[in-house]
Amino acid sequence: KSVEPWYVTGDSDAPFSPTQGREYVKGCASRDTIVELDNALFFLGGDRCVYRATASPQRVSDHGVEDRLRRCTSIATTTAFGAVVEGHSFYVINIPGQGSFALDVENASKGWAEWQSYGRTVFRGCCGAMKDGVAYVGDDTNGTVWALTPNTYLDGSDPVVYIASAFVPHHGAPIRCDNVVLQ
Protein backbone atom coordinates (compact mmCIF):
# COMPACT_ATOMS: atom_id res chain seq x y z
CA LYS A 1 0.00 0.00 0.00
CA SER A 2 3.02 2.29 0.39
CA VAL A 3 6.78 2.42 -0.15
CA GLU A 4 9.01 3.47 2.73
CA PRO A 5 12.76 3.97 2.10
CA TRP A 6 15.13 2.87 4.87
CA TYR A 7 18.79 3.71 5.38
CA VAL A 8 21.81 1.88 6.84
CA THR A 9 22.42 3.07 10.41
CA GLY A 10 25.79 1.47 11.12
CA ASP A 11 24.36 0.12 14.40
CA SER A 12 24.70 -3.68 14.61
CA ASP A 13 21.63 -3.92 16.89
CA ALA A 14 19.40 -1.92 14.52
CA PRO A 15 21.14 -1.97 11.11
CA PHE A 16 18.30 -0.23 9.23
CA SER A 17 15.94 2.60 10.08
CA PRO A 18 13.12 4.28 8.11
CA THR A 19 13.95 7.59 6.46
CA GLN A 20 11.75 10.17 8.17
CA GLY A 21 9.28 11.93 5.87
CA ARG A 22 10.00 9.70 2.85
CA GLU A 23 6.94 7.49 2.58
CA TYR A 24 5.29 7.18 -0.83
CA VAL A 25 1.55 6.57 -0.95
CA LYS A 26 2.12 4.27 -3.94
CA GLY A 27 2.43 0.58 -3.17
CA CYS A 28 4.69 -1.88 -4.96
CA ALA A 29 3.13 -4.77 -6.90
CA SER A 30 6.33 -6.84 -7.14
CA ARG A 31 9.44 -6.47 -4.98
CA ASP A 32 11.57 -7.78 -7.84
CA THR A 33 10.83 -4.65 -9.89
CA ILE A 34 12.55 -2.26 -7.47
CA VAL A 35 15.67 -0.87 -9.12
CA GLU A 36 18.01 1.97 -8.12
CA LEU A 37 19.10 3.69 -11.30
CA ASP A 38 20.17 7.22 -12.22
CA ASN A 39 19.88 8.48 -8.60
CA ALA A 40 16.24 7.37 -8.44
CA LEU A 41 14.19 4.39 -7.38
CA PHE A 42 12.09 2.69 -10.08
CA PHE A 43 9.28 0.26 -9.21
CA LEU A 44 6.03 -1.27 -10.43
CA GLY A 45 3.18 0.29 -8.48
CA GLY A 46 0.15 -1.53 -7.15
CA ASP A 47 -1.91 0.33 -9.75
CA ARG A 48 0.15 -1.40 -12.50
CA CYS A 49 2.04 1.75 -13.50
CA VAL A 50 5.84 2.06 -13.42
CA TYR A 51 7.19 4.88 -11.27
CA ARG A 52 10.44 6.79 -10.90
CA ALA A 53 10.73 8.04 -7.33
CA THR A 54 13.04 10.82 -6.25
CA ALA A 55 11.27 13.35 -4.02
CA SER A 56 7.94 11.81 -5.04
CA PRO A 57 6.92 9.03 -7.46
CA GLN A 58 6.42 10.09 -11.09
CA ARG A 59 4.68 7.81 -13.58
CA VAL A 60 7.08 6.78 -16.38
CA SER A 61 5.13 3.95 -18.00
CA ASP A 62 3.05 4.65 -21.08
CA HIS A 63 -0.38 3.28 -22.00
CA GLY A 64 1.09 0.44 -24.07
CA VAL A 65 3.20 -0.93 -21.20
CA GLU A 66 0.33 -0.40 -18.74
CA ASP A 67 -1.99 -2.37 -21.02
CA ARG A 68 0.47 -5.29 -20.92
CA LEU A 69 0.73 -4.95 -17.14
CA ARG A 70 -3.08 -5.08 -16.84
CA ARG A 71 -3.18 -8.26 -18.95
CA CYS A 72 -0.57 -10.00 -16.76
CA THR A 73 -2.21 -12.67 -14.59
CA SER A 74 0.78 -13.11 -12.25
CA ILE A 75 1.86 -9.52 -11.54
CA ALA A 76 3.77 -10.45 -8.36
CA THR A 77 6.26 -12.46 -10.47
CA THR A 78 7.16 -9.48 -12.66
CA THR A 79 10.89 -8.70 -12.52
CA ALA A 80 13.07 -5.78 -13.54
CA PHE A 81 16.70 -4.75 -13.62
CA GLY A 82 18.76 -1.72 -14.48
CA ALA A 83 21.71 -1.51 -16.84
CA VAL A 84 23.89 1.28 -18.20
CA VAL A 85 25.13 0.69 -21.76
CA GLU A 86 27.05 3.29 -23.76
CA GLY A 87 25.94 6.04 -21.37
CA HIS A 88 22.26 5.10 -21.54
CA SER A 89 20.54 3.95 -18.35
CA PHE A 90 17.87 1.33 -19.05
CA TYR A 91 15.08 0.15 -16.75
CA VAL A 92 14.07 -3.25 -18.15
CA ILE A 93 10.86 -4.90 -16.95
CA ASN A 94 9.89 -8.51 -17.72
CA ILE A 95 6.12 -9.00 -17.63
CA PRO A 96 5.15 -12.71 -17.49
CA GLY A 97 3.15 -13.74 -20.55
CA GLN A 98 3.36 -10.22 -22.04
CA GLY A 99 6.97 -9.47 -22.94
CA SER A 100 9.98 -7.40 -21.90
CA PHE A 101 10.13 -3.62 -22.16
CA ALA A 102 13.01 -1.18 -21.69
CA LEU A 103 12.93 2.50 -20.86
CA ASP A 104 15.95 4.62 -21.77
CA VAL A 105 15.84 6.75 -18.62
CA GLU A 106 17.56 9.79 -20.15
CA ASN A 107 15.27 9.69 -23.19
CA ALA A 108 12.05 8.72 -21.42
CA SER A 109 10.04 11.01 -23.70
CA LYS A 110 10.84 8.70 -26.62
CA GLY A 111 8.93 5.88 -24.97
CA TRP A 112 9.56 2.25 -24.26
CA ALA A 113 11.23 -0.32 -26.52
CA GLU A 114 10.18 -3.95 -26.63
CA TRP A 115 13.13 -6.30 -26.02
CA GLN A 116 13.07 -9.94 -27.09
CA SER A 117 15.74 -12.59 -27.36
CA TYR A 118 16.12 -14.51 -30.60
CA GLY A 119 13.29 -17.04 -31.05
CA ARG A 120 11.54 -15.94 -27.84
CA THR A 121 8.80 -13.49 -26.91
CA VAL A 122 10.78 -12.08 -23.94
CA PHE A 123 14.30 -10.88 -23.25
CA ARG A 124 16.33 -13.65 -21.64
CA GLY A 125 17.91 -11.35 -19.07
CA CYS A 126 16.01 -11.48 -15.78
CA CYS A 127 18.34 -9.65 -13.37
CA GLY A 128 21.34 -7.40 -13.68
CA ALA A 129 24.14 -5.61 -11.88
CA MET A 130 26.75 -3.00 -12.74
CA LYS A 131 30.44 -3.59 -11.95
CA ASP A 132 33.22 -1.23 -13.05
CA GLY A 133 31.00 0.28 -15.74
CA VAL A 134 29.99 -3.08 -17.25
CA ALA A 135 26.37 -4.26 -17.20
CA TYR A 136 26.10 -7.94 -16.23
CA VAL A 137 22.82 -9.77 -16.89
CA GLY A 138 21.60 -13.12 -15.55
CA ASP A 139 19.98 -15.53 -18.03
CA ASP A 140 16.44 -16.56 -17.06
CA THR A 141 16.83 -20.14 -18.27
CA ASN A 142 20.29 -21.46 -17.45
CA GLY A 143 21.62 -18.93 -14.91
CA THR A 144 24.54 -17.88 -17.09
CA VAL A 145 25.83 -14.38 -16.39
CA TRP A 146 26.89 -12.38 -19.44
CA ALA A 147 27.91 -8.80 -20.15
CA LEU A 148 25.92 -6.36 -22.28
CA THR A 149 28.81 -5.45 -24.54
CA PRO A 150 28.56 -2.50 -26.97
CA ASN A 151 29.25 -3.35 -30.62
CA THR A 152 28.76 -7.09 -29.98
CA TYR A 153 25.65 -8.03 -31.87
CA LEU A 154 24.94 -11.32 -30.10
CA ASP A 155 22.44 -12.27 -27.42
CA GLY A 156 24.47 -15.05 -25.81
CA SER A 157 25.28 -17.03 -28.96
CA ASP A 158 22.14 -15.91 -30.83
CA PRO A 159 22.03 -12.99 -33.27
CA VAL A 160 20.51 -9.65 -32.28
CA VAL A 161 17.68 -8.63 -34.59
CA TYR A 162 16.43 -5.05 -34.75
CA ILE A 163 12.97 -4.17 -35.97
CA ALA A 164 12.21 -0.54 -36.66
CA SER A 165 9.12 1.21 -37.90
CA ALA A 166 8.51 4.76 -39.00
CA PHE A 167 6.35 6.85 -41.25
CA VAL A 168 6.68 10.07 -43.17
CA PRO A 169 3.53 12.16 -43.26
CA HIS A 170 2.46 12.97 -46.79
CA HIS A 171 -0.60 14.94 -47.73
CA GLY A 172 -2.10 14.48 -51.14
CA ALA A 173 -2.12 11.68 -53.66
CA PRO A 174 -0.10 8.53 -52.93
CA ILE A 175 3.49 8.58 -54.15
CA ARG A 176 5.91 5.75 -54.77
CA CYS A 177 9.03 5.35 -52.61
CA ASP A 178 11.70 3.15 -54.19
CA ASN A 179 14.43 3.68 -51.63
CA VAL A 180 14.57 3.53 -47.85
CA VAL A 181 17.79 3.86 -45.84
CA LEU A 182 18.08 3.00 -42.15
CA GLN A 183 21.23 4.03 -40.29
C-alpha atoms as a PDB file:
ATOM      1  CA  LYS A   1       0.000   0.000   0.000  1.00  0.00           C
ATOM      2  CA  SER A   2       3.016   2.286   0.386  1.00  0.00           C
ATOM      3  CA  VAL A   3       6.776   2.420  -0.147  1.00  0.00           C
ATOM      4  CA  GLU A   4       9.008   3.472   2.727  1.00  0.00           C
ATOM      5  CA  PRO A   5      12.762   3.975   2.098  1.00  0.00           C
ATOM      6  CA  TRP A   6      15.125   2.867   4.874  1.00  0.00           C
ATOM      7  CA  TYR A   7      18.792   3.711   5.378  1.00  0.00           C
ATOM      8  CA  VAL A   8      21.813   1.875   6.839  1.00  0.00           C
ATOM      9  CA  THR A   9      22.420   3.069  10.405  1.00  0.00           C
ATOM     10  CA  GLY A  10      25.790   1.470  11.122  1.00  0.00           C
ATOM     11  CA  ASP A  11      24.356   0.119  14.398  1.00  0.00           C
ATOM     12  CA  SER A  12      24.696  -3.675  14.614  1.00  0.00           C
ATOM     13  CA  ASP A  13      21.629  -3.924  16.891  1.00  0.00           C
ATOM     14  CA  ALA A  14      19.398  -1.915  14.520  1.00  0.00           C
ATOM     15  CA  PRO A  15      21.139  -1.969  11.113  1.00  0.00           C
ATOM     16  CA  PHE A  16      18.295  -0.234   9.225  1.00  0.00           C
ATOM     17  CA  SER A  17      15.938   2.602  10.085  1.00  0.00           C
ATOM     18  CA  PRO A  18      13.122   4.280   8.111  1.00  0.00           C
ATOM     19  CA  THR A  19      13.946   7.585   6.458  1.00  0.00           C
ATOM     20  CA  GLN A  20      11.755  10.166   8.167  1.00  0.00           C
ATOM     21  CA  GLY A  21       9.278  11.929   5.875  1.00  0.00           C
ATOM     22  CA  ARG A  22      10.003   9.699   2.853  1.00  0.00           C
ATOM     23  CA  GLU A  23       6.945   7.490   2.581  1.00  0.00           C
ATOM     24  CA  TYR A  24       5.289   7.178  -0.833  1.00  0.00           C
ATOM     25  CA  VAL A  25       1.550   6.566  -0.955  1.00  0.00           C
ATOM     26  CA  LYS A  26       2.120   4.271  -3.938  1.00  0.00           C
ATOM     27  CA  GLY A  27       2.429   0.581  -3.167  1.00  0.00           C
ATOM     28  CA  CYS A  28       4.693  -1.878  -4.955  1.00  0.00           C
ATOM     29  CA  ALA A  29       3.134  -4.771  -6.898  1.00  0.00           C
ATOM     30  CA  SER A  30       6.333  -6.836  -7.137  1.00  0.00           C
ATOM     31  CA  ARG A  31       9.435  -6.467  -4.977  1.00  0.00           C
ATOM     32  CA  ASP A  32      11.566  -7.782  -7.843  1.00  0.00           C
ATOM     33  CA  THR A  33      10.828  -4.651  -9.894  1.00  0.00           C
ATOM     34  CA  ILE A  34      12.551  -2.261  -7.471  1.00  0.00           C
ATOM     35  CA  VAL A  35      15.674  -0.874  -9.124  1.00  0.00           C
ATOM     36  CA  GLU A  36      18.011   1.966  -8.122  1.00  0.00           C
ATOM     37  CA  LEU A  37      19.104   3.695 -11.301  1.00  0.00           C
ATOM     38  CA  ASP A  38      20.171   7.221 -12.221  1.00  0.00           C
ATOM     39  CA  ASN A  39      19.880   8.485  -8.604  1.00  0.00           C
ATOM     40  CA  ALA A  40      16.243   7.369  -8.439  1.00  0.00           C
ATOM     41  CA  LEU A  41      14.188   4.390  -7.379  1.00  0.00           C
ATOM     42  CA  PHE A  42      12.087   2.685 -10.078  1.00  0.00           C
ATOM     43  CA  PHE A  43       9.281   0.262  -9.209  1.00  0.00           C
ATOM     44  CA  LEU A  44       6.029  -1.267 -10.429  1.00  0.00           C
ATOM     45  CA  GLY A  45       3.181   0.287  -8.477  1.00  0.00           C
ATOM     46  CA  GLY A  46       0.155  -1.531  -7.145  1.00  0.00           C
ATOM     47  CA  ASP A  47      -1.913   0.326  -9.753  1.00  0.00           C
ATOM     48  CA  ARG A  48       0.154  -1.398 -12.502  1.00  0.00           C
ATOM     49  CA  CYS A  49       2.037   1.753 -13.503  1.00  0.00           C
ATOM     50  CA  VAL A  50       5.840   2.058 -13.415  1.00  0.00           C
ATOM     51  CA  TYR A  51       7.191   4.884 -11.270  1.00  0.00           C
ATOM     52  CA  ARG A  52      10.444   6.790 -10.903  1.00  0.00           C
ATOM     53  CA  ALA A  53      10.729   8.037  -7.331  1.00  0.00           C
ATOM     54  CA  THR A  54      13.037  10.823  -6.254  1.00  0.00           C
ATOM     55  CA  ALA A  55      11.272  13.349  -4.016  1.00  0.00           C
ATOM     56  CA  SER A  56       7.936  11.810  -5.042  1.00  0.00           C
ATOM     57  CA  PRO A  57       6.915   9.025  -7.460  1.00  0.00           C
ATOM     58  CA  GLN A  58       6.415  10.094 -11.088  1.00  0.00           C
ATOM     59  CA  ARG A  59       4.681   7.808 -13.579  1.00  0.00           C
ATOM     60  CA  VAL A  60       7.084   6.778 -16.376  1.00  0.00           C
ATOM     61  CA  SER A  61       5.128   3.951 -17.996  1.00  0.00           C
ATOM     62  CA  ASP A  62       3.048   4.648 -21.082  1.00  0.00           C
ATOM     63  CA  HIS A  63      -0.382   3.279 -21.999  1.00  0.00           C
ATOM     64  CA  GLY A  64       1.092   0.438 -24.065  1.00  0.00           C
ATOM     65  CA  VAL A  65       3.198  -0.926 -21.198  1.00  0.00           C
ATOM     66  CA  GLU A  66       0.333  -0.398 -18.741  1.00  0.00           C
ATOM     67  CA  ASP A  67      -1.994  -2.372 -21.017  1.00  0.00           C
ATOM     68  CA  ARG A  68       0.472  -5.289 -20.922  1.00  0.00           C
ATOM     69  CA  LEU A  69       0.728  -4.948 -17.136  1.00  0.00           C
ATOM     70  CA  ARG A  70      -3.082  -5.078 -16.841  1.00  0.00           C
ATOM     71  CA  ARG A  71      -3.176  -8.256 -18.948  1.00  0.00           C
ATOM     72  CA  CYS A  72      -0.571  -9.996 -16.762  1.00  0.00           C
ATOM     73  CA  THR A  73      -2.210 -12.673 -14.592  1.00  0.00           C
ATOM     74  CA  SER A  74       0.783 -13.112 -12.252  1.00  0.00           C
ATOM     75  CA  ILE A  75       1.861  -9.517 -11.541  1.00  0.00           C
ATOM     76  CA  ALA A  76       3.768 -10.455  -8.356  1.00  0.00           C
ATOM     77  CA  THR A  77       6.258 -12.461 -10.468  1.00  0.00           C
ATOM     78  CA  THR A  78       7.163  -9.477 -12.658  1.00  0.00           C
ATOM     79  CA  THR A  79      10.885  -8.700 -12.525  1.00  0.00           C
ATOM     80  CA  ALA A  80      13.068  -5.780 -13.539  1.00  0.00           C
ATOM     81  CA  PHE A  81      16.697  -4.753 -13.616  1.00  0.00           C
ATOM     82  CA  GLY A  82      18.764  -1.721 -14.478  1.00  0.00           C
ATOM     83  CA  ALA A  83      21.709  -1.505 -16.841  1.00  0.00           C
ATOM     84  CA  VAL A  84      23.888   1.280 -18.203  1.00  0.00           C
ATOM     85  CA  VAL A  85      25.128   0.687 -21.757  1.00  0.00           C
ATOM     86  CA  GLU A  86      27.050   3.294 -23.763  1.00  0.00           C
ATOM     87  CA  GLY A  87      25.944   6.040 -21.372  1.00  0.00           C
ATOM     88  CA  HIS A  88      22.256   5.100 -21.543  1.00  0.00           C
ATOM     89  CA  SER A  89      20.539   3.947 -18.348  1.00  0.00           C
ATOM     90  CA  PHE A  90      17.866   1.331 -19.046  1.00  0.00           C
ATOM     91  CA  TYR A  91      15.077   0.150 -16.752  1.00  0.00           C
ATOM     92  CA  VAL A  92      14.074  -3.253 -18.151  1.00  0.00           C
ATOM     93  CA  ILE A  93      10.857  -4.895 -16.951  1.00  0.00           C
ATOM     94  CA  ASN A  94       9.890  -8.510 -17.719  1.00  0.00           C
ATOM     95  CA  ILE A  95       6.123  -9.002 -17.630  1.00  0.00           C
ATOM     96  CA  PRO A  96       5.147 -12.707 -17.494  1.00  0.00           C
ATOM     97  CA  GLY A  97       3.155 -13.740 -20.548  1.00  0.00           C
ATOM     98  CA  GLN A  98       3.359 -10.219 -22.037  1.00  0.00           C
ATOM     99  CA  GLY A  99       6.971  -9.467 -22.943  1.00  0.00           C
ATOM    100  CA  SER A 100       9.980  -7.400 -21.898  1.00  0.00           C
ATOM    101  CA  PHE A 101      10.134  -3.620 -22.160  1.00  0.00           C
ATOM    102  CA  ALA A 102      13.013  -1.184 -21.688  1.00  0.00           C
ATOM    103  CA  LEU A 103      12.926   2.499 -20.858  1.00  0.00           C
ATOM    104  CA  ASP A 104      15.945   4.619 -21.771  1.00  0.00           C
ATOM    105  CA  VAL A 105      15.837   6.747 -18.618  1.00  0.00           C
ATOM    106  CA  GLU A 106      17.559   9.792 -20.147  1.00  0.00           C
ATOM    107  CA  ASN A 107      15.274   9.695 -23.195  1.00  0.00           C
ATOM    108  CA  ALA A 108      12.048   8.723 -21.415  1.00  0.00           C
ATOM    109  CA  SER A 109      10.042  11.014 -23.696  1.00  0.00           C
ATOM    110  CA  LYS A 110      10.842   8.698 -26.620  1.00  0.00           C
ATOM    111  CA  GLY A 111       8.934   5.878 -24.971  1.00  0.00           C
ATOM    112  CA  TRP A 112       9.555   2.249 -24.260  1.00  0.00           C
ATOM    113  CA  ALA A 113      11.226  -0.323 -26.523  1.00  0.00           C
ATOM    114  CA  GLU A 114      10.178  -3.953 -26.628  1.00  0.00           C
ATOM    115  CA  TRP A 115      13.129  -6.298 -26.019  1.00  0.00           C
ATOM    116  CA  GLN A 116      13.072  -9.941 -27.087  1.00  0.00           C
ATOM    117  CA  SER A 117      15.735 -12.588 -27.356  1.00  0.00           C
ATOM    118  CA  TYR A 118      16.117 -14.506 -30.600  1.00  0.00           C
ATOM    119  CA  GLY A 119      13.286 -17.042 -31.051  1.00  0.00           C
ATOM    120  CA  ARG A 120      11.537 -15.937 -27.835  1.00  0.00           C
ATOM    121  CA  THR A 121       8.800 -13.486 -26.906  1.00  0.00           C
ATOM    122  CA  VAL A 122      10.777 -12.076 -23.938  1.00  0.00           C
ATOM    123  CA  PHE A 123      14.305 -10.880 -23.252  1.00  0.00           C
ATOM    124  CA  ARG A 124      16.332 -13.652 -21.639  1.00  0.00           C
ATOM    125  CA  GLY A 125      17.909 -11.346 -19.067  1.00  0.00           C
ATOM    126  CA  CYS A 126      16.013 -11.476 -15.777  1.00  0.00           C
ATOM    127  CA  CYS A 127      18.343  -9.648 -13.375  1.00  0.00           C
ATOM    128  CA  GLY A 128      21.340  -7.398 -13.676  1.00  0.00           C
ATOM    129  CA  ALA A 129      24.143  -5.614 -11.885  1.00  0.00           C
ATOM    130  CA  MET A 130      26.748  -3.002 -12.739  1.00  0.00           C
ATOM    131  CA  LYS A 131      30.443  -3.586 -11.952  1.00  0.00           C
ATOM    132  CA  ASP A 132      33.223  -1.234 -13.052  1.00  0.00           C
ATOM    133  CA  GLY A 133      31.001   0.280 -15.744  1.00  0.00           C
ATOM    134  CA  VAL A 134      29.991  -3.075 -17.250  1.00  0.00           C
ATOM    135  CA  ALA A 135      26.372  -4.263 -17.203  1.00  0.00           C
ATOM    136  CA  TYR A 136      26.096  -7.942 -16.235  1.00  0.00           C
ATOM    137  CA  VAL A 137      22.818  -9.771 -16.888  1.00  0.00           C
ATOM    138  CA  GLY A 138      21.599 -13.124 -15.553  1.00  0.00           C
ATOM    139  CA  ASP A 139      19.985 -15.528 -18.026  1.00  0.00           C
ATOM    140  CA  ASP A 140      16.435 -16.558 -17.055  1.00  0.00           C
ATOM    141  CA  THR A 141      16.834 -20.143 -18.266  1.00  0.00           C
ATOM    142  CA  ASN A 142      20.292 -21.458 -17.454  1.00  0.00           C
ATOM    143  CA  GLY A 143      21.617 -18.934 -14.912  1.00  0.00           C
ATOM    144  CA  THR A 144      24.540 -17.875 -17.095  1.00  0.00           C
ATOM    145  CA  VAL A 145      25.829 -14.377 -16.387  1.00  0.00           C
ATOM    146  CA  TRP A 146      26.890 -12.377 -19.435  1.00  0.00           C
ATOM    147  CA  ALA A 147      27.909  -8.798 -20.155  1.00  0.00           C
ATOM    148  CA  LEU A 148      25.916  -6.364 -22.283  1.00  0.00           C
ATOM    149  CA  THR A 149      28.809  -5.446 -24.538  1.00  0.00           C
ATOM    150  CA  PRO A 150      28.559  -2.500 -26.966  1.00  0.00           C
ATOM    151  CA  ASN A 151      29.247  -3.354 -30.621  1.00  0.00           C
ATOM    152  CA  THR A 152      28.758  -7.086 -29.981  1.00  0.00           C
ATOM    153  CA  TYR A 153      25.652  -8.035 -31.872  1.00  0.00           C
ATOM    154  CA  LEU A 154      24.941 -11.322 -30.101  1.00  0.00           C
ATOM    155  CA  ASP A 155      22.439 -12.273 -27.416  1.00  0.00           C
ATOM    156  CA  GLY A 156      24.471 -15.052 -25.809  1.00  0.00           C
ATOM    157  CA  SER A 157      25.283 -17.031 -28.962  1.00  0.00           C
ATOM    158  CA  ASP A 158      22.138 -15.905 -30.826  1.00  0.00           C
ATOM    159  CA  PRO A 159      22.028 -12.986 -33.269  1.00  0.00           C
ATOM    160  CA  VAL A 160      20.515  -9.652 -32.282  1.00  0.00           C
ATOM    161  CA  VAL A 161      17.684  -8.634 -34.592  1.00  0.00           C
ATOM    162  CA  TYR A 162      16.434  -5.052 -34.745  1.00  0.00           C
ATOM    163  CA  ILE A 163      12.968  -4.170 -35.972  1.00  0.00           C
ATOM    164  CA  ALA A 164      12.212  -0.541 -36.658  1.00  0.00           C
ATOM    165  CA  SER A 165       9.124   1.212 -37.903  1.00  0.00           C
ATOM    166  CA  ALA A 166       8.509   4.762 -38.999  1.00  0.00           C
ATOM    167  CA  PHE A 167       6.349   6.847 -41.247  1.00  0.00           C
ATOM    168  CA  VAL A 168       6.678  10.066 -43.171  1.00  0.00           C
ATOM    169  CA  PRO A 169       3.528  12.160 -43.260  1.00  0.00           C
ATOM    170  CA  HIS A 170       2.457  12.972 -46.787  1.00  0.00           C
ATOM    171  CA  HIS A 171      -0.604  14.938 -47.733  1.00  0.00           C
ATOM    172  CA  GLY A 172      -2.105  14.480 -51.137  1.00  0.00           C
ATOM    173  CA  ALA A 173      -2.123  11.685 -53.663  1.00  0.00           C
ATOM    174  CA  PRO A 174      -0.100   8.528 -52.930  1.00  0.00           C
ATOM    175  CA  ILE A 175       3.495   8.583 -54.151  1.00  0.00           C
ATOM    176  CA  ARG A 176       5.905   5.748 -54.768  1.00  0.00           C
ATOM    177  CA  CYS A 177       9.031   5.346 -52.610  1.00  0.00           C
ATOM    178  CA  ASP A 178      11.695   3.154 -54.193  1.00  0.00           C
ATOM    179  CA  ASN A 179      14.434   3.679 -51.632  1.00  0.00           C
ATOM    180  CA  VAL A 180      14.567   3.526 -47.846  1.00  0.00           C
ATOM    181  CA  VAL A 181      17.790   3.862 -45.839  1.00  0.00           C
ATOM    182  CA  LEU A 182      18.085   2.996 -42.153  1.00  0.00           C
ATOM    183  CA  GLN A 183      21.229   4.035 -40.292  1.00  0.00           C
END
